Amino acid sequence: MFKRFAKSAFAARLAAFIIGAYLRLVIATMRWTPAGREHFDAAEQAGKGVIVAFWHGRMMMMPRLCQETHRQVFMLISVNRDGEIIAKAVRSFDVKFIRGSAANPKKPTKNKGGASAVAQILAALADGNVVGVTPDGPRGPGEKLQLGVIKLAQMSGAPILPTGISVAWGRKLSTWDRFLFAAPFSRGFYVAGPPIWVGPENDAETLESTRRKVENALASVTRTADSLAGRKDAEPPQS
């Protein structure tokens, strides 16, 4: 009976309501300190859309993006039930969602809307909007950048803005992405790094070099945000 209830439409609506209410409480009561605002401005002034990249484990603070820009913010989420709950939970924030997921190599015949999602992302960027992506999602490994965001930057010509988000009060969960569960009335830190433009070269060596560059930049701004927040569980520098 419990399993049937958990899978019901009512349970999904209830979960979305609870998550949304908690997010509104956290965002409303948190004192935010931005850093690297000049990098965000530089990316926006380039005349194109902006790809804002942050780790999947910091997704809870995603609505904060709307307060950092006057442009429309889009976010890529999966087409599954969890994605639907997230979309309903944050509908009170000014975020538009693009539904789709990367293909699962174990289920190559299962269509998760990846091609449609790419087309929508490119259209949003062409219109000068901000698109938030979690380049280690949706399945991980956590904090390891996948090539998808590099390909999006190549196709769109938009810069990648590495972004670190952290909070002073909150707990990292024992999930694959080490999800940071923020607490209300905390201090939040939003750190942007220099925008990264990706060239058209498609050879494996260049793509891997660019992937490492973006991954290291994203790791760096995340460590900076954690350090500013005074978190004891901040990750050590990568070698």
C-alpha atoms as a PDB file:
ATOM      1  CA  MET A   1       0.000   0.000   0.000  1.00  0.00           C
ATOM      2  CA  PHE A   2       2.810   2.418   0.900  1.00  0.00           C
ATOM      3  CA  LYS A   3       4.594   1.710  -2.389  1.00  0.00           C
ATOM      4  CA  ARG A   4       1.392   2.393  -4.329  1.00  0.00           C
ATOM      5  CA  PHE A   5       0.902   5.672  -2.440  1.00  0.00           C
ATOM      6  CA  ALA A   6       4.535   6.734  -3.030  1.00  0.00           C
ATOM      7  CA  LYS A   7       4.041   6.256  -6.789  1.00  0.00           C
ATOM      8  CA  SER A   8       0.694   8.066  -6.893  1.00  0.00           C
ATOM      9  CA  ALA A   9       0.069  11.469  -8.454  1.00  0.00           C
ATOM     10  CA  PHE A  10      -1.050  12.803  -5.062  1.00  0.00           C
ATOM     11  CA  ALA A  11       2.255  11.800  -3.457  1.00  0.00           C
ATOM     12  CA  ALA A  12       4.130  13.575  -6.254  1.00  0.00           C
ATOM     13  CA  ARG A  13       2.096  16.751  -5.724  1.00  0.00           C
ATOM     14  CA  LEU A  14       2.624  16.542  -1.968  1.00  0.00           C
ATOM     15  CA  ALA A  15       6.385  16.094  -2.387  1.00  0.00           C
ATOM     16  CA  ALA A  16       6.541  19.044  -4.791  1.00  0.00           C
ATOM     17  CA  PHE A  17       4.614  21.232  -2.323  1.00  0.00           C
ATOM     18  CA  ILE A  18       6.869  20.331   0.619  1.00  0.00           C
ATOM     19  CA  ILE A  19      10.090  20.741  -1.381  1.00  0.00           C
ATOM     20  CA  GLY A  20       8.902  24.035  -2.850  1.00  0.00           C
ATOM     21  CA  ALA A  21       7.926  25.433   0.551  1.00  0.00           C
ATOM     22  CA  TYR A  22      11.278  24.476   2.037  1.00  0.00           C
ATOM     23  CA  LEU A  23      13.191  25.978  -0.897  1.00  0.00           C
ATOM     24  CA  ARG A  24      11.299  29.259  -0.572  1.00  0.00           C
ATOM     25  CA  LEU A  25      12.126  29.344   3.145  1.00  0.00           C
ATOM     26  CA  VAL A  26      15.826  28.674   2.508  1.00  0.00           C
ATOM     27  CA  ILE A  27      16.189  31.193  -0.316  1.00  0.00           C
ATOM     28  CA  ALA A  28      14.208  33.892   1.511  1.00  0.00           C
ATOM     29  CA  THR A  29      16.097  33.624   4.808  1.00  0.00           C
ATOM     30  CA  MET A  30      19.614  33.138   3.457  1.00  0.00           C
ATOM     31  CA  ARG A  31      22.101  36.013   3.352  1.00  0.00           C
ATOM     32  CA  TRP A  32      23.948  35.777   0.051  1.00  0.00           C
ATOM     33  CA  THR A  33      27.441  37.016  -0.740  1.00  0.00           C
ATOM     34  CA  PRO A  34      28.312  36.978  -4.463  1.00  0.00           C
ATOM     35  CA  ALA A  35      31.917  36.857  -5.668  1.00  0.00           C
ATOM     36  CA  GLY A  36      33.253  37.156  -9.208  1.00  0.00           C
ATOM     37  CA  ARG A  37      30.308  39.219 -10.397  1.00  0.00           C
ATOM     38  CA  GLU A  38      32.603  40.759 -13.028  1.00  0.00           C
ATOM     39  CA  HIS A  39      32.934  37.325 -14.653  1.00  0.00           C
ATOM     40  CA  PHE A  40      29.179  36.937 -14.944  1.00  0.00           C
ATOM     41  CA  ASP A  41      28.955  40.450 -16.431  1.00  0.00           C
ATOM     42  CA  ALA A  42      31.737  39.663 -18.922  1.00  0.00           C
ATOM     43  CA  ALA A  43      29.952  36.508 -20.054  1.00  0.00           C
ATOM     44  CA  GLU A  44      26.638  38.334 -20.494  1.00  0.00           C
ATOM     45  CA  GLN A  45      28.216  41.271 -22.326  1.00  0.00           C
ATOM     46  CA  ALA A  46      29.691  38.943 -24.948  1.00  0.00           C
ATOM     47  CA  GLY A  47      26.378  39.201 -26.778  1.00  0.00           C
ATOM     48  CA  LYS A  48      25.404  35.529 -26.541  1.00  0.00           C
ATOM     49  CA  GLY A  49      23.638  33.333 -24.063  1.00  0.00           C
ATOM     50  CA  VAL A  50      25.532  31.982 -21.057  1.00  0.00           C
ATOM     51  CA  ILE A  51      25.970  28.358 -19.965  1.00  0.00           C
ATOM     52  CA  VAL A  52      26.183  28.390 -16.161  1.00  0.00           C
ATOM     53  CA  ALA A  53      27.791  25.146 -14.971  1.00  0.00           C
ATOM     54  CA  PHE A  54      27.653  23.899 -11.375  1.00  0.00           C
ATOM     55  CA  TRP A  55      27.873  20.490  -9.745  1.00  0.00           C
ATOM     56  CA  HIS A  56      24.765  18.348  -9.392  1.00  0.00           C
ATOM     57  CA  GLY A  57      25.182  18.264  -5.625  1.00  0.00           C
ATOM     58  CA  ARG A  58      24.605  22.037  -5.425  1.00  0.00           C
ATOM     59  CA  MET A  59      21.316  21.929  -7.336  1.00  0.00           C
ATOM     60  CA  MET A  60      19.268  22.884  -4.280  1.00  0.00           C
ATOM     61  CA  MET A  61      20.529  26.469  -4.561  1.00  0.00           C
ATOM     62  CA  MET A  62      19.789  26.617  -8.305  1.00  0.00           C
ATOM     63  CA  PRO A  63      16.914  29.162  -7.947  1.00  0.00           C
ATOM     64  CA  ARG A  64      19.574  31.620  -6.751  1.00  0.00           C
ATOM     65  CA  LEU A  65      20.629  32.023 -10.399  1.00  0.00           C
ATOM     66  CA  CYS A  66      17.489  34.039 -11.068  1.00  0.00           C
ATOM     67  CA  GLN A  67      18.690  36.697  -8.628  1.00  0.00           C
ATOM     68  CA  GLU A  68      22.047  37.064 -10.385  1.00  0.00           C
ATOM     69  CA  THR A  69      20.772  38.001 -13.840  1.00  0.00           C
ATOM     70  CA  HIS A  70      17.990  39.958 -15.517  1.00  0.00           C
ATOM     71  CA  ARG A  71      17.870  37.357 -18.302  1.00  0.00           C
ATOM     72  CA  GLN A  72      15.538  34.383 -18.433  1.00  0.00           C
ATOM     73  CA  VAL A  73      17.011  31.313 -16.723  1.00  0.00           C
ATOM     74  CA  PHE A  74      16.482  27.827 -18.154  1.00  0.00           C
ATOM     75  CA  MET A  75      17.455  24.577 -16.448  1.00  0.00           C
ATOM     76  CA  LEU A  76      17.850  21.091 -17.906  1.00  0.00           C
ATOM     77  CA  ILE A  77      16.057  18.384 -15.913  1.00  0.00           C
ATOM     78  CA  SER A  78      15.223  14.749 -16.582  1.00  0.00           C
ATOM     79  CA  VAL A  79      11.932  13.568 -18.062  1.00  0.00           C
ATOM     80  CA  ASN A  80      11.287  11.098 -15.242  1.00  0.00           C
ATOM     81  CA  ARG A  81       9.023  11.467 -12.206  1.00  0.00           C
ATOM     82  CA  ASP A  82      11.746  13.110 -10.104  1.00  0.00           C
ATOM     83  CA  GLY A  83      12.201  15.746 -12.778  1.00  0.00           C
ATOM     84  CA  GLU A  84       8.472  16.461 -12.773  1.00  0.00           C
ATOM     85  CA  ILE A  85       8.484  16.900  -8.988  1.00  0.00           C
ATOM     86  CA  ILE A  86      11.411  19.326  -9.191  1.00  0.00           C
ATOM     87  CA  ALA A  87       9.721  21.350 -11.932  1.00  0.00           C
ATOM     88  CA  LYS A  88       6.551  21.713  -9.848  1.00  0.00           C
ATOM     89  CA  ALA A  89       8.506  22.469  -6.673  1.00  0.00           C
ATOM     90  CA  VAL A  90      10.293  25.496  -8.116  1.00  0.00           C
ATOM     91  CA  ARG A  91       7.524  26.832 -10.358  1.00  0.00           C
ATOM     92  CA  SER A  92       7.174  29.885  -8.085  1.00  0.00           C
ATOM     93  CA  PHE A  93      10.717  30.886  -9.062  1.00  0.00           C
ATOM     94  CA  ASP A  94      11.366  32.456 -12.443  1.00  0.00           C
ATOM     95  CA  VAL A  95      12.917  29.318 -13.947  1.00  0.00           C
ATOM     96  CA  LYS A  96      11.892  27.616 -17.177  1.00  0.00           C
ATOM     97  CA  PHE A  97      12.704  23.954 -17.625  1.00  0.00           C
ATOM     98  CA  ILE A  98      14.005  22.004 -20.586  1.00  0.00           C
ATOM     99  CA  ARG A  99      13.094  18.350 -20.226  1.00  0.00           C
ATOM    100  CA  GLY A 100      15.555  15.712 -21.340  1.00  0.00           C
ATOM    101  CA  SER A 101      18.377  13.416 -20.235  1.00  0.00           C
ATOM    102  CA  ALA A 102      21.586  12.081 -21.621  1.00  0.00           C
ATOM    103  CA  ALA A 103      21.268   8.671 -23.243  1.00  0.00           C
ATOM    104  CA  ASN A 104      21.947   5.660 -21.037  1.00  0.00           C
ATOM    105  CA  PRO A 105      24.537   3.452 -22.788  1.00  0.00           C
ATOM    106  CA  LYS A 106      22.947   0.408 -21.154  1.00  0.00           C
ATOM    107  CA  LYS A 107      19.582   1.291 -22.721  1.00  0.00           C
ATOM    108  CA  PRO A 108      20.452   2.760 -26.120  1.00  0.00           C
ATOM    109  CA  THR A 109      16.951   2.299 -27.509  1.00  0.00           C
ATOM    110  CA  LYS A 110      15.249   4.254 -24.749  1.00  0.00           C
ATOM    111  CA  ASN A 111      14.500   7.819 -25.849  1.00  0.00           C
ATOM    112  CA  LYS A 112      14.864  10.331 -23.037  1.00  0.00           C
ATOM    113  CA  GLY A 113      14.374  13.425 -25.156  1.00  0.00           C
ATOM    114  CA  GLY A 114      18.074  14.193 -25.481  1.00  0.00           C
ATOM    115  CA  ALA A 115      17.949  15.487 -29.073  1.00  0.00           C
ATOM    116  CA  SER A 116      14.945  17.688 -28.342  1.00  0.00           C
ATOM    117  CA  ALA A 117      16.605  19.023 -25.190  1.00  0.00           C
ATOM    118  CA  VAL A 118      19.752  19.978 -27.115  1.00  0.00           C
ATOM    119  CA  ALA A 119      17.666  21.822 -29.701  1.00  0.00           C
ATOM    120  CA  GLN A 120      15.810  23.722 -26.973  1.00  0.00           C
ATOM    121  CA  ILE A 121      19.052  24.619 -25.187  1.00  0.00           C
ATOM    122  CA  LEU A 122      20.599  25.946 -28.394  1.00  0.00           C
ATOM    123  CA  ALA A 123      17.469  27.995 -29.101  1.00  0.00           C
ATOM    124  CA  ALA A 124      17.479  29.450 -25.576  1.00  0.00           C
ATOM    125  CA  LEU A 125      21.157  30.389 -25.861  1.00  0.00           C
ATOM    126  CA  ALA A 126      20.641  31.895 -29.316  1.00  0.00           C
ATOM    127  CA  ASP A 127      18.018  34.175 -27.775  1.00  0.00           C
ATOM    128  CA  GLY A 128      20.593  35.372 -25.219  1.00  0.00           C
ATOM    129  CA  ASN A 129      19.241  33.497 -22.213  1.00  0.00           C
ATOM    130  CA  VAL A 130      21.029  31.782 -19.317  1.00  0.00           C
ATOM    131  CA  VAL A 131      21.021  27.976 -19.260  1.00  0.00           C
ATOM    132  CA  GLY A 132      22.013  26.160 -16.075  1.00  0.00           C
ATOM    133  CA  VAL A 133      23.590  22.717 -16.442  1.00  0.00           C
ATOM    134  CA  THR A 134      25.010  20.134 -14.060  1.00  0.00           C
ATOM    135  CA  PRO A 135      27.835  18.584 -16.114  1.00  0.00           C
ATOM    136  CA  ASP A 136      28.303  15.623 -13.764  1.00  0.00           C
ATOM    137  CA  GLY A 137      24.659  14.571 -13.938  1.00  0.00           C
ATOM    138  CA  PRO A 138      22.315  12.890 -14.136  1.00  0.00           C
ATOM    139  CA  ARG A 139      24.102   9.680 -13.129  1.00  0.00           C
ATOM    140  CA  GLY A 140      27.604  10.762 -12.145  1.00  0.00           C
ATOM    141  CA  PRO A 141      30.283  10.113 -11.202  1.00  0.00           C
ATOM    142  CA  GLY A 142      29.942  13.129  -8.964  1.00  0.00           C
ATOM    143  CA  GLU A 143      32.067  16.206  -9.665  1.00  0.00           C
ATOM    144  CA  LYS A 144      33.530  14.661 -12.817  1.00  0.00           C
ATOM    145  CA  LEU A 145      32.757  16.758 -15.858  1.00  0.00           C
ATOM    146  CA  GLN A 146      31.257  15.031 -18.886  1.00  0.00           C
ATOM    147  CA  LEU A 147      31.731  16.205 -22.466  1.00  0.00           C
ATOM    148  CA  GLY A 148      28.125  17.257 -22.989  1.00  0.00           C
ATOM    149  CA  VAL A 149      28.648  20.807 -21.755  1.00  0.00           C
ATOM    150  CA  ILE A 150      31.726  21.166 -23.989  1.00  0.00           C
ATOM    151  CA  LYS A 151      29.684  20.122 -27.032  1.00  0.00           C
ATOM    152  CA  LEU A 152      26.913  22.570 -26.120  1.00  0.00           C
ATOM    153  CA  ALA A 153      29.444  25.411 -25.910  1.00  0.00           C
ATOM    154  CA  GLN A 154      30.877  24.430 -29.286  1.00  0.00           C
ATOM    155  CA  MET A 155      27.511  24.279 -31.025  1.00  0.00           C
ATOM    156  CA  SER A 156      26.138  27.475 -29.494  1.00  0.00           C
ATOM    157  CA  GLY A 157      29.244  29.671 -29.303  1.00  0.00           C
ATOM    158  CA  ALA A 158      28.163  30.601 -25.772  1.00  0.00           C
ATOM    159  CA  PRO A 159      30.719  30.750 -22.954  1.00  0.00           C
ATOM    160  CA  ILE A 160      30.737  28.350 -20.016  1.00  0.00           C
ATOM    161  CA  LEU A 161      30.622  30.160 -16.676  1.00  0.00           C
ATOM    162  CA  PRO A 162      32.016  27.878 -13.913  1.00  0.00           C
ATOM    163  CA  THR A 163      29.995  28.500 -10.774  1.00  0.00           C
ATOM    164  CA  GLY A 164      30.443  27.428  -7.171  1.00  0.00           C
ATOM    165  CA  ILE A 165      27.585  27.626  -4.671  1.00  0.00           C
ATOM    166  CA  SER A 166      27.881  26.844  -0.980  1.00  0.00           C
ATOM    167  CA  VAL A 167      26.249  27.518   2.394  1.00  0.00           C
ATOM    168  CA  ALA A 168      27.587  27.849   5.917  1.00  0.00           C
ATOM    169  CA  TRP A 169      24.838  25.740   7.461  1.00  0.00           C
ATOM    170  CA  GLY A 170      23.881  22.532   5.762  1.00  0.00           C
ATOM    171  CA  ARG A 171      24.723  18.875   5.501  1.00  0.00           C
ATOM    172  CA  LYS A 172      26.299  16.881   2.710  1.00  0.00           C
ATOM    173  CA  LEU A 173      24.287  13.725   2.136  1.00  0.00           C
ATOM    174  CA  SER A 174      25.804  10.319   1.403  1.00  0.00           C
ATOM    175  CA  THR A 175      24.516  10.330  -2.179  1.00  0.00           C
ATOM    176  CA  TRP A 176      26.554   9.855  -5.360  1.00  0.00           C
ATOM    177  CA  ASP A 177      26.726  13.641  -5.834  1.00  0.00           C
ATOM    178  CA  ARG A 178      27.331  14.463  -2.137  1.00  0.00           C
ATOM    179  CA  PHE A 179      24.182  16.589  -2.245  1.00  0.00           C
ATOM    180  CA  LEU A 180      24.462  19.730  -0.105  1.00  0.00           C
ATOM    181  CA  PHE A 181      21.219  20.097   1.852  1.00  0.00           C
ATOM    182  CA  ALA A 182      21.039  23.755   2.853  1.00  0.00           C
ATOM    183  CA  ALA A 183      19.542  24.967   6.125  1.00  0.00           C
ATOM    184  CA  PRO A 184      17.425  28.113   6.540  1.00  0.00           C
ATOM    185  CA  PHE A 185      18.874  31.345   8.004  1.00  0.00           C
ATOM    186  CA  SER A 186      22.333  30.439   6.756  1.00  0.00           C
ATOM    187  CA  ARG A 187      24.949  32.383   4.810  1.00  0.00           C
ATOM    188  CA  GLY A 188      25.203  31.556   1.138  1.00  0.00           C
ATOM    189  CA  PHE A 189      28.102  32.148  -1.233  1.00  0.00           C
ATOM    190  CA  TYR A 190      27.880  32.338  -5.018  1.00  0.00           C
ATOM    191  CA  VAL A 191      31.256  32.332  -6.793  1.00  0.00           C
ATOM    192  CA  ALA A 192      31.687  32.801 -10.554  1.00  0.00           C
ATOM    193  CA  GLY A 193      34.941  32.097 -12.358  1.00  0.00           C
ATOM    194  CA  PRO A 194      36.207  33.587 -15.641  1.00  0.00           C
ATOM    195  CA  PRO A 195      34.052  32.540 -18.611  1.00  0.00           C
ATOM    196  CA  ILE A 196      35.499  29.831 -20.838  1.00  0.00           C
ATOM    197  CA  TRP A 197      34.971  29.859 -24.604  1.00  0.00           C
ATOM    198  CA  VAL A 198      35.335  26.541 -26.407  1.00  0.00           C
ATOM    199  CA  GLY A 199      36.929  26.378 -29.860  1.00  0.00           C
ATOM    200  CA  PRO A 200      35.655  24.305 -32.785  1.00  0.00           C
ATOM    201  CA  GLU A 201      38.393  21.637 -32.628  1.00  0.00           C
ATOM    202  CA  ASN A 202      36.905  18.151 -32.284  1.00  0.00           C
ATOM    203  CA  ASP A 203      39.960  15.919 -31.976  1.00  0.00           C
ATOM    204  CA  ALA A 204      40.049  13.747 -28.882  1.00  0.00           C
ATOM    205  CA  GLU A 205      43.166  15.360 -27.369  1.00  0.00           C
ATOM    206  CA  THR A 206      41.795  18.909 -27.596  1.00  0.00           C
ATOM    207  CA  LEU A 207      38.386  17.900 -26.256  1.00  0.00           C
ATOM    208  CA  GLU A 208      39.961  16.146 -23.275  1.00  0.00           C
ATOM    209  CA  SER A 209      42.207  19.135 -22.587  1.00  0.00           C
ATOM    210  CA  THR A 210      39.188  21.456 -22.642  1.00  0.00           C
ATOM    211  CA  ARG A 211      37.191  19.074 -20.480  1.00  0.00           C
ATOM    212  CA  ARG A 212      39.938  19.073 -17.845  1.00  0.00           C
ATOM    213  CA  LYS A 213      40.188  22.867 -18.008  1.00  0.00           C
ATOM    214  CA  VAL A 214      36.478  23.344 -17.336  1.00  0.00           C
ATOM    215  CA  GLU A 215      36.429  20.617 -14.667  1.00  0.00           C
ATOM    216  CA  ASN A 216      39.366  22.180 -12.825  1.00  0.00           C
ATOM    217  CA  ALA A 217      37.787  25.634 -13.042  1.00  0.00           C
ATOM    218  CA  LEU A 218      34.521  24.301 -11.662  1.00  0.00           C
ATOM    219  CA  ALA A 219      36.321  22.469  -8.862  1.00  0.00           C
ATOM    220  CA  SER A 220      38.227  25.653  -8.022  1.00  0.00           C
ATOM    221  CA  VAL A 221      35.185  27.939  -7.691  1.00  0.00           C
ATOM    222  CA  THR A 222      33.370  25.278  -5.669  1.00  0.00           C
ATOM    223  CA  ARG A 223      36.310  25.021  -3.250  1.00  0.00           C
ATOM    224  CA  THR A 224      36.368  28.814  -2.989  1.00  0.00           C
ATOM    225  CA  ALA A 225      32.647  28.912  -2.177  1.00  0.00           C
ATOM    226  CA  ASP A 226      33.071  26.167   0.445  1.00  0.00           C
ATOM    227  CA  SER A 227      36.046  27.997   1.951  1.00  0.00           C
ATOM    228  CA  LEU A 228      34.128  31.283   2.171  1.00  0.00           C
ATOM    229  CA  ALA A 229      31.292  29.398   3.841  1.00  0.00           C
ATOM    230  CA  GLY A 230      33.738  27.955   6.358  1.00  0.00           C
ATOM    231  CA  ARG A 231      32.835  24.392   5.527  1.00  0.00           C
ATOM    232  CA  LYS A 232      35.103  21.779   7.090  1.00  0.00           C
ATOM    233  CA  ASP A 233      34.213  19.276   4.358  1.00  0.00           C
ATOM    234  CA  ALA A 234      35.603  21.401   1.514  1.00  0.00           C
ATOM    235  CA  GLU A 235      37.343  19.293  -1.103  1.00  0.00           C
ATOM    236  CA  PRO A 236      41.176  19.476  -1.327  1.00  0.00           C
ATOM    237  CA  PRO A 237      42.712  20.850  -4.527  1.00  0.00           C
ATOM    238  CA  GLN A 238      42.931  18.403  -7.417  1.00  0.00           C
ATOM    239  CA  SER A 239      46.379  17.318  -8.523  1.00  0.00           C
END
